[in-house]
PDB file of all heavy atoms in Angstrom:
ATOM      1  N   MET A   1     115.235 117.616 108.806  1.00  0.00           N
ATOM      2  CA  MET A   1     114.179 118.629 108.916  1.00  0.00           C
ATOM      3  C   MET A   1     114.002 119.112 110.350  1.00  0.00           C
ATOM      4  O   MET A   1     113.867 120.311 110.603  1.00  0.00           O
ATOM      5  CB  MET A   1     112.854 118.049 108.396  1.00  0.00           C
ATOM      6  CG  MET A   1     112.861 117.771 106.909  1.00  0.00           C
ATOM      7  SD  MET A   1     111.290 117.079 106.345  1.00  0.00           S
ATOM      8  CE  MET A   1     111.649 116.812 104.611  1.00  0.00           C
ATOM      9  N   PHE A   2     114.010 118.177 111.298  1.00  0.00           N
ATOM     10  CA  PHE A   2     113.887 118.579 112.698  1.00  0.00           C
ATOM     11  C   PHE A   2     115.092 119.425 113.121  1.00  0.00           C
ATOM     12  O   PHE A   2     114.949 120.367 113.914  1.00  0.00           O
ATOM     13  CB  PHE A   2     113.787 117.345 113.602  1.00  0.00           C
ATOM     14  CG  PHE A   2     112.448 116.670 113.569  1.00  0.00           C
ATOM     15  CD1 PHE A   2     112.339 115.299 113.403  1.00  0.00           C
ATOM     16  CD2 PHE A   2     111.272 117.408 113.733  1.00  0.00           C
ATOM     17  CE1 PHE A   2     111.105 114.660 113.391  1.00  0.00           C
ATOM     18  CE2 PHE A   2     110.032 116.786 113.731  1.00  0.00           C
ATOM     19  CZ  PHE A   2     109.947 115.416 113.544  1.00  0.00           C
ATOM     20  N   THR A   3     116.263 119.085 112.616  1.00  0.00           N
ATOM     21  CA  THR A   3     117.469 119.861 112.944  1.00  0.00           C
ATOM     22  C   THR A   3     117.350 121.275 112.395  1.00  0.00           C
ATOM     23  O   THR A   3     117.732 122.253 113.055  1.00  0.00           O
ATOM     24  CB  THR A   3     118.711 119.162 112.373  1.00  0.00           C
ATOM     25  OG1 THR A   3     118.811 117.836 112.914  1.00  0.00           O
ATOM     26  CG2 THR A   3     119.976 119.936 112.722  1.00  0.00           C
ATOM     27  N   ALA A   4     116.801 121.386 111.194  1.00  0.00           N
ATOM     28  CA  ALA A   4     116.672 122.707 110.552  1.00  0.00           C
ATOM     29  C   ALA A   4     115.778 123.647 111.342  1.00  0.00           C
ATOM     30  O   ALA A   4     116.029 124.858 111.402  1.00  0.00           O
ATOM     31  CB  ALA A   4     116.143 122.542 109.130  1.00  0.00           C
ATOM     32  N   VAL A   5     114.726 123.114 111.984  1.00  0.00           N
ATOM     33  CA  VAL A   5     113.821 123.963 112.759  1.00  0.00           C
ATOM     34  C   VAL A   5     114.209 124.010 114.232  1.00  0.00           C
ATOM     35  O   VAL A   5     113.552 124.676 115.033  1.00  0.00           O
ATOM     36  CB  VAL A   5     112.356 123.491 112.623  1.00  0.00           C
ATOM     37  CG1 VAL A   5     111.901 123.573 111.169  1.00  0.00           C
ATOM     38  CG2 VAL A   5     112.172 122.072 113.167  1.00  0.00           C
ATOM     39  N   GLY A   6     115.267 123.292 114.612  1.00  0.00           N
ATOM     40  CA  GLY A   6     115.763 123.338 115.991  1.00  0.00           C
ATOM     41  C   GLY A   6     114.942 122.548 116.990  1.00  0.00           C
ATOM     42  O   GLY A   6     114.980 122.842 118.189  1.00  0.00           O
ATOM     43  N   ASP A   7     114.193 121.541 116.533  1.00  0.00           N
ATOM     44  CA  ASP A   7     113.379 120.723 117.442  1.00  0.00           C
ATOM     45  C   ASP A   7     114.258 119.604 118.005  1.00  0.00           C
ATOM     46  O   ASP A   7     114.325 118.495 117.475  1.00  0.00           O
ATOM     47  CB  ASP A   7     112.173 120.145 116.707  1.00  0.00           C
ATOM     48  CG  ASP A   7     111.151 119.549 117.663  1.00  0.00           C
ATOM     49  OD1 ASP A   7     111.529 119.229 118.804  1.00  0.00           O
ATOM     50  OD2 ASP A   7     109.995 119.411 117.271  1.00  0.00           O
ATOM     51  N   GLN A   8     114.942 119.907 119.123  1.00  0.00           N
ATOM     52  CA  GLN A   8     115.904 118.965 119.684  1.00  0.00           C
ATOM     53  C   GLN A   8     115.230 117.729 120.287  1.00  0.00           C
ATOM     54  O   GLN A   8     115.771 116.624 120.224  1.00  0.00           O
ATOM     55  CB  GLN A   8     116.749 119.670 120.742  1.00  0.00           C
ATOM     56  CG  GLN A   8     117.571 120.816 120.176  1.00  0.00           C
ATOM     57  CD  GLN A   8     118.408 121.493 121.237  1.00  0.00           C
ATOM     58  OE1 GLN A   8     119.494 121.028 121.568  1.00  0.00           O
ATOM     59  NE2 GLN A   8     117.909 122.594 121.778  1.00  0.00           N
ATOM     60  N   ALA A   9     114.056 117.922 120.851  1.00  0.00           N
ATOM     61  CA  ALA A   9     113.344 116.775 121.422  1.00  0.00           C
ATOM     62  C   ALA A   9     112.981 115.777 120.335  1.00  0.00           C
ATOM     63  O   ALA A   9     113.121 114.557 120.517  1.00  0.00           O
ATOM     64  CB  ALA A   9     112.097 117.247 122.156  1.00  0.00           C
ATOM     65  N   ALA A  10     112.501 116.276 119.188  1.00  0.00           N
ATOM     66  CA  ALA A  10     112.165 115.385 118.077  1.00  0.00           C
ATOM     67  C   ALA A  10     113.413 114.719 117.514  1.00  0.00           C
ATOM     68  O   ALA A  10     113.401 113.545 117.157  1.00  0.00           O
ATOM     69  CB  ALA A  10     111.439 116.158 116.986  1.00  0.00           C
ATOM     70  N   CYS A  11     114.508 115.479 117.443  1.00  0.00           N
ATOM     71  CA  CYS A  11     115.777 114.903 116.973  1.00  0.00           C
ATOM     72  C   CYS A  11     116.204 113.737 117.863  1.00  0.00           C
ATOM     73  O   CYS A  11     116.659 112.695 117.374  1.00  0.00           O
ATOM     74  CB  CYS A  11     116.875 115.965 116.965  1.00  0.00           C
ATOM     75  SG  CYS A  11     116.731 117.196 115.642  1.00  0.00           S
ATOM     76  N   ALA A  12     116.049 113.921 119.168  1.00  0.00           N
ATOM     77  CA  ALA A  12     116.418 112.851 120.103  1.00  0.00           C
ATOM     78  C   ALA A  12     115.610 111.591 119.845  1.00  0.00           C
ATOM     79  O   ALA A  12     116.130 110.470 119.885  1.00  0.00           O
ATOM     80  CB  ALA A  12     116.218 113.328 121.541  1.00  0.00           C
ATOM     81  N   GLU A  13     114.321 111.769 119.551  1.00  0.00           N
ATOM     82  CA  GLU A  13     113.465 110.609 119.285  1.00  0.00           C
ATOM     83  C   GLU A  13     113.898 109.893 118.006  1.00  0.00           C
ATOM     84  O   GLU A  13     113.913 108.663 117.946  1.00  0.00           O
ATOM     85  CB  GLU A  13     112.010 111.061 119.163  1.00  0.00           C
ATOM     86  CG  GLU A  13     111.017 109.922 119.055  1.00  0.00           C
ATOM     87  CD  GLU A  13     109.575 110.392 119.114  1.00  0.00           C
ATOM     88  OE1 GLU A  13     109.341 111.534 119.568  1.00  0.00           O
ATOM     89  OE2 GLU A  13     108.696 109.626 118.700  1.00  0.00           O
ATOM     90  N   VAL A  14     114.278 110.670 116.987  1.00  0.00           N
ATOM     91  CA  VAL A  14     114.725 110.068 115.731  1.00  0.00           C
ATOM     92  C   VAL A  14     116.044 109.332 115.927  1.00  0.00           C
ATOM     93  O   VAL A  14     116.258 108.255 115.361  1.00  0.00           O
ATOM     94  CB  VAL A  14     114.862 111.135 114.628  1.00  0.00           C
ATOM     95  CG1 VAL A  14     115.390 110.503 113.341  1.00  0.00           C
ATOM     96  CG2 VAL A  14     113.516 111.790 114.355  1.00  0.00           C
ATOM     97  N   TYR A  15     116.944 109.876 116.747  1.00  0.00           N
ATOM     98  CA  TYR A  15     118.206 109.179 117.019  1.00  0.00           C
ATOM     99  C   TYR A  15     117.964 107.812 117.642  1.00  0.00           C
ATOM    100  O   TYR A  15     118.682 106.845 117.358  1.00  0.00           O
ATOM    101  CB  TYR A  15     119.094 110.031 117.931  1.00  0.00           C
ATOM    102  CG  TYR A  15     119.899 111.073 117.202  1.00  0.00           C
ATOM    103  CD1 TYR A  15     119.777 112.419 117.528  1.00  0.00           C
ATOM    104  CD2 TYR A  15     120.783 110.726 116.195  1.00  0.00           C
ATOM    105  CE1 TYR A  15     120.519 113.399 116.868  1.00  0.00           C
ATOM    106  CE2 TYR A  15     121.523 111.694 115.526  1.00  0.00           C
ATOM    107  CZ  TYR A  15     121.386 113.025 115.854  1.00  0.00           C
ATOM    108  OH  TYR A  15     122.119 113.970 115.194  1.00  0.00           O
ATOM    109  N   VAL A  16     116.941 107.726 118.503  1.00  0.00           N
ATOM    110  CA  VAL A  16     116.600 106.419 119.076  1.00  0.00           C
ATOM    111  C   VAL A  16     116.180 105.442 117.979  1.00  0.00           C
ATOM    112  O   VAL A  16     116.616 104.281 117.950  1.00  0.00           O
ATOM    113  CB  VAL A  16     115.481 106.559 120.127  1.00  0.00           C
ATOM    114  CG1 VAL A  16     114.925 105.184 120.516  1.00  0.00           C
ATOM    115  CG2 VAL A  16     115.997 107.267 121.369  1.00  0.00           C
ATOM    116  N   GLU A  17     115.326 105.916 117.056  1.00  0.00           N
ATOM    117  CA  GLU A  17     114.880 105.036 115.972  1.00  0.00           C
ATOM    118  C   GLU A  17     116.035 104.640 115.068  1.00  0.00           C
ATOM    119  O   GLU A  17     116.117 103.487 114.625  1.00  0.00           O
ATOM    120  CB  GLU A  17     113.776 105.735 115.160  1.00  0.00           C
ATOM    121  CG  GLU A  17     112.493 106.004 115.934  1.00  0.00           C
ATOM    122  CD  GLU A  17     111.843 104.736 116.448  1.00  0.00           C
ATOM    123  OE1 GLU A  17     111.956 103.691 115.772  1.00  0.00           O
ATOM    124  OE2 GLU A  17     111.227 104.780 117.523  1.00  0.00           O
ATOM    125  N   LEU A  18     116.937 105.566 114.785  1.00  0.00           N
ATOM    126  CA  LEU A  18     118.119 105.233 113.984  1.00  0.00           C
ATOM    127  C   LEU A  18     119.000 104.222 114.718  1.00  0.00           C
ATOM    128  O   LEU A  18     119.604 103.343 114.093  1.00  0.00           O
ATOM    129  CB  LEU A  18     118.917 106.500 113.664  1.00  0.00           C
ATOM    130  CG  LEU A  18     118.308 107.402 112.575  1.00  0.00           C
ATOM    131  CD1 LEU A  18     119.029 108.746 112.528  1.00  0.00           C
ATOM    132  CD2 LEU A  18     118.373 106.721 111.207  1.00  0.00           C
ATOM    133  N   GLY A  19     119.074 104.351 116.037  1.00  0.00           N
ATOM    134  CA  GLY A  19     119.823 103.378 116.828  1.00  0.00           C
ATOM    135  C   GLY A  19     119.220 101.990 116.719  1.00  0.00           C
ATOM    136  O   GLY A  19     119.940 100.988 116.613  1.00  0.00           O
ATOM    137  N   ARG A  20     117.888 101.901 116.739  1.00  0.00           N
ATOM    138  CA  ARG A  20     117.223 100.603 116.594  1.00  0.00           C
ATOM    139  C   ARG A  20     117.521  99.989 115.225  1.00  0.00           C
ATOM    140  O   ARG A  20     117.746  98.786 115.112  1.00  0.00           O
ATOM    141  CB  ARG A  20     115.717 100.764 116.768  1.00  0.00           C
ATOM    142  CG  ARG A  20     115.268 101.168 118.168  1.00  0.00           C
ATOM    143  CD  ARG A  20     113.767 101.360 118.224  1.00  0.00           C
ATOM    144  NE  ARG A  20     113.084 100.090 117.994  1.00  0.00           N
ATOM    145  CZ  ARG A  20     111.871  99.983 117.450  1.00  0.00           C
ATOM    146  NH1 ARG A  20     111.240 101.075 117.049  1.00  0.00           N
ATOM    147  NH2 ARG A  20     111.308  98.810 117.287  1.00  0.00           N
ATOM    148  N   VAL A  21     117.532 100.843 114.182  1.00  0.00           N
ATOM    149  CA  VAL A  21     117.853 100.350 112.844  1.00  0.00           C
ATOM    150  C   VAL A  21     119.280  99.823 112.806  1.00  0.00           C
ATOM    151  O   VAL A  21     119.546  98.721 112.304  1.00  0.00           O
ATOM    152  CB  VAL A  21     117.658 101.464 111.795  1.00  0.00           C
ATOM    153  CG1 VAL A  21     118.186 101.017 110.438  1.00  0.00           C
ATOM    154  CG2 VAL A  21     116.192 101.854 111.683  1.00  0.00           C
ATOM    155  N   ALA A  22     120.220 100.609 113.347  1.00  0.00           N
ATOM    156  CA  ALA A  22     121.623 100.178 113.367  1.00  0.00           C
ATOM    157  C   ALA A  22     121.789  98.869 114.135  1.00  0.00           C
ATOM    158  O   ALA A  22     122.559  97.989 113.741  1.00  0.00           O
ATOM    159  CB  ALA A  22     122.495 101.273 113.990  1.00  0.00           C
ATOM    160  N   GLN A  23     121.054  98.723 115.206  1.00  0.00           N
ATOM    161  CA  GLN A  23     121.135  97.502 116.013  1.00  0.00           C
ATOM    162  C   GLN A  23     120.639  96.298 115.208  1.00  0.00           C
ATOM    163  O   GLN A  23     121.237  95.219 115.277  1.00  0.00           O
ATOM    164  CB  GLN A  23     120.305  97.678 117.282  1.00  0.00           C
ATOM    165  CG  GLN A  23     120.619  96.683 118.372  1.00  0.00           C
ATOM    166  CD  GLN A  23     120.034  97.101 119.714  1.00  0.00           C
ATOM    167  OE1 GLN A  23     119.799  98.281 119.953  1.00  0.00           O
ATOM    168  NE2 GLN A  23     119.807  96.142 120.581  1.00  0.00           N
ATOM    169  N   GLN A  24     119.566  96.473 114.439  1.00  0.00           N
ATOM    170  CA  GLN A  24     119.068  95.388 113.607  1.00  0.00           C
ATOM    171  C   GLN A  24     120.051  95.041 112.499  1.00  0.00           C
ATOM    172  O   GLN A  24     120.124  93.892 112.065  1.00  0.00           O
ATOM    173  CB  GLN A  24     117.710  95.764 113.003  1.00  0.00           C
ATOM    174  CG  GLN A  24     116.563  95.734 113.983  1.00  0.00           C
ATOM    175  CD  GLN A  24     116.281  94.343 114.499  1.00  0.00           C
ATOM    176  OE1 GLN A  24     116.454  93.361 113.799  1.00  0.00           O
ATOM    177  NE2 GLN A  24     115.864  94.252 115.762  1.00  0.00           N
TER     178      GLN A  24
END
């Protein structure tokens, strides 16, 4: 959804959370 509206800052924050999930 953030990608669809072009909110790159929000996308960056979600990538961090996905990284934490992958790390776990």
